[in-house]
Amino acid sequence: MSLLTHPPTRPDVIAIGSSTGGPQALIALLHDLPRGIKTPILITQHLPATFTAIFAQNIAKAAGRACAEGQDGEEIRSGQIYVAPGGFHMLVEKKGSANVIRITSDPPENFCRPAVDPMFRAVAKVYGRNVLAVILTGMGRDGAAGGKAIVDAGGTVIAQDEATSIVWGMPGAAAEAGICSKILPLPEIAPAIAKLAT
């Protein structure tokens, strides 16, 4: 498995995808992320509808910043964390000079809704090379195809390593696809984000 060596750019958005083991990994990662980083964060975690609002509250407490389920048409703002609502895909589109959330009930991808690939494709289209994507622990391959779209647009992908993943399906698929700039243990991901985003 080879790593990409293209020079990363300072991200205008951080997009994170996760599944099995993801809630705990996300809480740990966002707790460790410096509070001074104001780059907006979009999260797709495979969860049913009844859990995502509570999960967003838990993230807000751990991260020390605002976090809520994304709302359709909502403008993406600095310092905010958006979680894909259970049962829906969370996308991004440009509207005038603003970038806004789009919530859709398009068909599941990778047997999931929300799925990571649609979110990754959308941020690649809107933000281009100024995307930092992170793929955390999870079953399956969700995120690998969308991650390739991000890399093709000039963005950067970081994957969690096998040793610290509950299931190395999603990050492993990204690693095998050769789209990652870094493959890191969970405790090293927040410092890597901080280095790129500050």
Protein backbone atom coordinates (compact mmCIF):
# COMPACT_ATOMS: atom_id res chain seq x y z
CA MET A 1 0.00 0.00 0.00
CA SER A 2 1.56 3.23 -1.16
CA LEU A 3 0.96 6.72 0.19
CA LEU A 4 0.38 9.80 -1.93
CA THR A 5 3.00 12.50 -1.65
CA HIS A 6 1.27 15.45 -3.31
CA PRO A 7 1.57 18.59 -1.16
CA PRO A 8 -1.61 19.08 0.89
CA THR A 9 -3.44 22.39 0.92
CA ARG A 10 -5.01 24.14 3.90
CA PRO A 11 -8.56 22.76 4.04
CA ASP A 12 -11.71 24.84 3.82
CA VAL A 13 -13.70 21.83 5.03
CA ILE A 14 -12.97 18.63 6.94
CA ALA A 15 -15.13 15.64 5.97
CA ILE A 16 -15.14 12.53 8.18
CA GLY A 17 -16.68 9.13 7.47
CA SER A 18 -17.03 6.23 9.89
CA SER A 19 -19.13 3.20 10.80
CA THR A 20 -18.50 0.34 13.25
CA GLY A 21 -16.56 1.75 16.22
CA GLY A 22 -16.93 5.23 14.75
CA PRO A 23 -18.84 6.97 17.54
CA GLN A 24 -16.10 6.31 20.09
CA ALA A 25 -13.36 7.15 17.58
CA LEU A 26 -15.08 10.42 16.59
CA ILE A 27 -15.55 11.49 20.20
CA ALA A 28 -11.85 10.84 20.92
CA LEU A 29 -10.67 12.56 17.73
CA LEU A 30 -12.82 15.67 18.13
CA HIS A 31 -11.99 15.96 21.83
CA ASP A 32 -8.29 16.08 20.90
CA LEU A 33 -8.69 18.57 18.05
CA PRO A 34 -7.47 22.04 19.12
CA ARG A 35 -10.36 24.42 19.83
CA GLY A 36 -8.69 27.10 17.74
CA ILE A 37 -9.39 25.21 14.51
CA LYS A 38 -12.50 26.79 13.02
CA THR A 39 -12.66 24.79 9.78
CA PRO A 40 -16.21 23.42 9.40
CA ILE A 41 -16.49 19.65 9.89
CA LEU A 42 -18.99 17.39 8.12
CA ILE A 43 -19.53 13.90 9.55
CA THR A 44 -21.27 10.89 8.08
CA GLN A 45 -21.51 8.13 10.67
CA HIS A 46 -23.61 5.07 9.87
CA LEU A 47 -26.37 5.42 12.50
CA PRO A 48 -30.15 5.02 12.50
CA ALA A 49 -32.36 8.10 12.66
CA THR A 50 -33.13 7.87 16.38
CA PHE A 51 -29.46 8.20 17.37
CA THR A 52 -27.91 10.98 15.31
CA ALA A 53 -29.35 13.97 17.22
CA ILE A 54 -28.12 12.60 20.56
CA PHE A 55 -24.81 11.69 18.96
CA ALA A 56 -24.41 15.29 17.76
CA GLN A 57 -24.98 16.50 21.35
CA ASN A 58 -22.28 14.13 22.59
CA ILE A 59 -19.86 15.41 19.96
CA ALA A 60 -20.57 19.02 20.96
CA LYS A 61 -19.66 18.23 24.57
CA ALA A 62 -16.48 16.40 23.60
CA ALA A 63 -15.35 18.91 20.98
CA GLY A 64 -16.28 22.09 22.82
CA ARG A 65 -17.92 23.55 19.72
CA ALA A 66 -21.37 23.66 18.13
CA CYS A 67 -22.56 20.41 16.60
CA ALA A 68 -25.97 19.43 15.25
CA GLU A 69 -27.61 17.39 12.54
CA GLY A 70 -27.28 19.10 9.18
CA GLN A 71 -30.44 20.87 7.97
CA ASP A 72 -31.38 21.13 4.31
CA GLY A 73 -30.42 24.55 2.94
CA GLU A 74 -28.33 25.47 6.00
CA GLU A 75 -25.24 27.55 5.25
CA ILE A 76 -21.96 25.91 6.26
CA ARG A 77 -20.29 28.13 8.82
CA SER A 78 -16.86 28.36 10.40
CA GLY A 79 -16.49 26.54 13.72
CA GLN A 80 -19.56 24.33 13.24
CA ILE A 81 -19.78 20.52 13.13
CA TYR A 82 -22.56 18.96 11.05
CA VAL A 83 -23.69 15.34 11.42
CA ALA A 84 -25.63 13.56 8.66
CA PRO A 85 -29.12 12.81 10.01
CA GLY A 86 -29.93 9.11 10.22
CA GLY A 87 -31.81 7.82 7.19
CA PHE A 88 -30.61 10.61 4.85
CA HIS A 89 -27.52 11.45 2.83
CA MET A 90 -25.81 14.75 3.66
CA LEU A 91 -24.39 16.60 0.67
CA VAL A 92 -23.03 20.08 -0.06
CA GLU A 93 -23.79 22.46 -2.89
CA LYS A 94 -22.83 25.98 -3.86
CA LYS A 95 -25.61 28.58 -3.63
CA GLY A 96 -24.45 32.00 -4.69
CA SER A 97 -21.39 32.83 -2.61
CA ALA A 98 -22.33 30.34 0.13
CA ASN A 99 -21.90 26.61 0.51
CA VAL A 100 -25.02 24.94 1.90
CA ILE A 101 -26.06 21.55 3.25
CA ARG A 102 -28.34 19.38 1.15
CA ILE A 103 -30.22 16.52 2.83
CA THR A 104 -31.52 13.87 0.41
CA SER A 105 -33.34 10.57 0.51
CA ASP A 106 -31.53 9.30 -2.59
CA PRO A 107 -31.12 5.50 -2.66
CA PRO A 108 -28.67 3.91 -0.19
CA GLU A 109 -25.07 3.47 -1.30
CA ASN A 110 -22.89 0.68 0.06
CA PHE A 111 -26.14 -0.52 1.69
CA CYS A 112 -26.13 2.66 3.82
CA ARG A 113 -28.06 5.91 4.15
CA PRO A 114 -26.42 8.12 5.23
CA ALA A 115 -23.38 7.01 3.24
CA VAL A 116 -19.92 8.52 3.13
CA ASP A 117 -19.34 8.32 -0.63
CA PRO A 118 -22.11 10.82 -1.60
CA MET A 119 -20.82 13.33 0.97
CA PHE A 120 -17.23 12.93 -0.21
CA ARG A 121 -18.22 13.35 -3.87
CA ALA A 122 -20.18 16.50 -3.01
CA VAL A 123 -17.39 18.16 -1.04
CA ALA A 124 -14.92 17.30 -3.80
CA LYS A 125 -17.17 19.03 -6.34
CA VAL A 126 -17.71 22.16 -4.22
CA TYR A 127 -14.39 22.57 -2.39
CA GLY A 128 -11.97 20.95 -4.86
CA ARG A 129 -8.42 20.72 -3.54
CA ASN A 130 -9.36 22.39 -0.24
CA VAL A 131 -10.86 19.21 1.28
CA LEU A 132 -9.35 17.15 4.05
CA ALA A 133 -11.13 13.80 4.34
CA VAL A 134 -10.71 11.36 7.21
CA ILE A 135 -11.88 7.74 7.04
CA LEU A 136 -12.24 6.08 10.42
CA THR A 137 -13.03 2.55 11.58
CA GLY A 138 -15.95 0.85 9.87
CA MET A 139 -17.17 -2.22 8.02
CA GLY A 140 -17.34 -2.32 4.23
CA ARG A 141 -15.85 0.00 1.61
CA ASP A 142 -17.88 3.22 2.05
CA GLY A 143 -15.65 6.24 1.52
CA ALA A 144 -13.08 4.69 -0.82
CA ALA A 145 -14.80 5.75 -4.07
CA GLY A 146 -15.69 9.18 -2.69
CA GLY A 147 -12.16 9.52 -1.36
CA LYS A 148 -10.83 8.94 -4.87
CA ALA A 149 -13.04 11.82 -6.09
CA ILE A 150 -11.49 14.03 -3.40
CA VAL A 151 -7.95 13.04 -4.40
CA ASP A 152 -8.76 13.50 -8.10
CA ALA A 153 -9.87 17.07 -7.23
CA GLY A 154 -6.55 17.67 -5.44
CA GLY A 155 -7.75 17.09 -1.86
CA THR A 156 -6.23 14.97 0.90
CA VAL A 157 -7.35 11.72 2.54
CA ILE A 158 -6.19 10.38 5.92
CA ALA A 159 -7.18 6.88 7.07
CA GLN A 160 -7.14 5.32 10.53
CA ASP A 161 -4.66 2.46 10.86
CA GLU A 162 -5.61 -1.18 11.32
CA ALA A 163 -4.24 -1.52 14.86
CA THR A 164 -6.53 1.15 16.32
CA SER A 165 -9.62 0.36 14.19
CA ILE A 166 -12.43 -1.79 15.52
CA VAL A 167 -13.01 -2.90 11.91
CA TRP A 168 -10.47 -1.97 9.23
CA GLY A 169 -12.94 -2.26 6.37
CA MET A 170 -13.51 1.35 5.33
CA PRO A 171 -10.04 2.73 6.10
CA GLY A 172 -8.48 -0.46 4.77
CA ALA A 173 -10.33 -0.10 1.46
CA ALA A 174 -9.07 3.48 1.16
CA ALA A 175 -5.53 2.36 1.95
CA GLU A 176 -5.69 -0.44 -0.62
CA ALA A 177 -7.02 2.00 -3.22
CA GLY A 178 -3.84 4.06 -2.83
CA ILE A 179 -5.69 7.33 -2.14
CA CYS A 180 -4.30 8.11 1.34
CA SER A 181 -1.64 10.67 2.19
CA LYS A 182 -1.40 9.25 5.70
CA ILE A 183 -2.50 6.09 7.53
CA LEU A 184 -2.34 6.88 11.24
CA PRO A 185 -3.22 5.51 14.67
CA LEU A 186 -6.31 7.27 16.03
CA PRO A 187 -4.40 9.41 18.59
CA GLU A 188 -2.22 10.84 15.81
CA ILE A 189 -5.07 11.94 13.54
CA ALA A 190 -6.07 15.09 15.48
CA PRO A 191 -2.47 16.42 15.47
CA ALA A 192 -2.24 15.69 11.73
CA ILE A 193 -5.47 17.61 11.10
CA ALA A 194 -4.24 20.47 13.26
CA LYS A 195 -1.01 20.68 11.30
CA LEU A 196 -2.87 20.97 8.00
CA ALA A 197 -5.68 23.24 9.22
CA THR A 198 -3.63 25.89 11.06
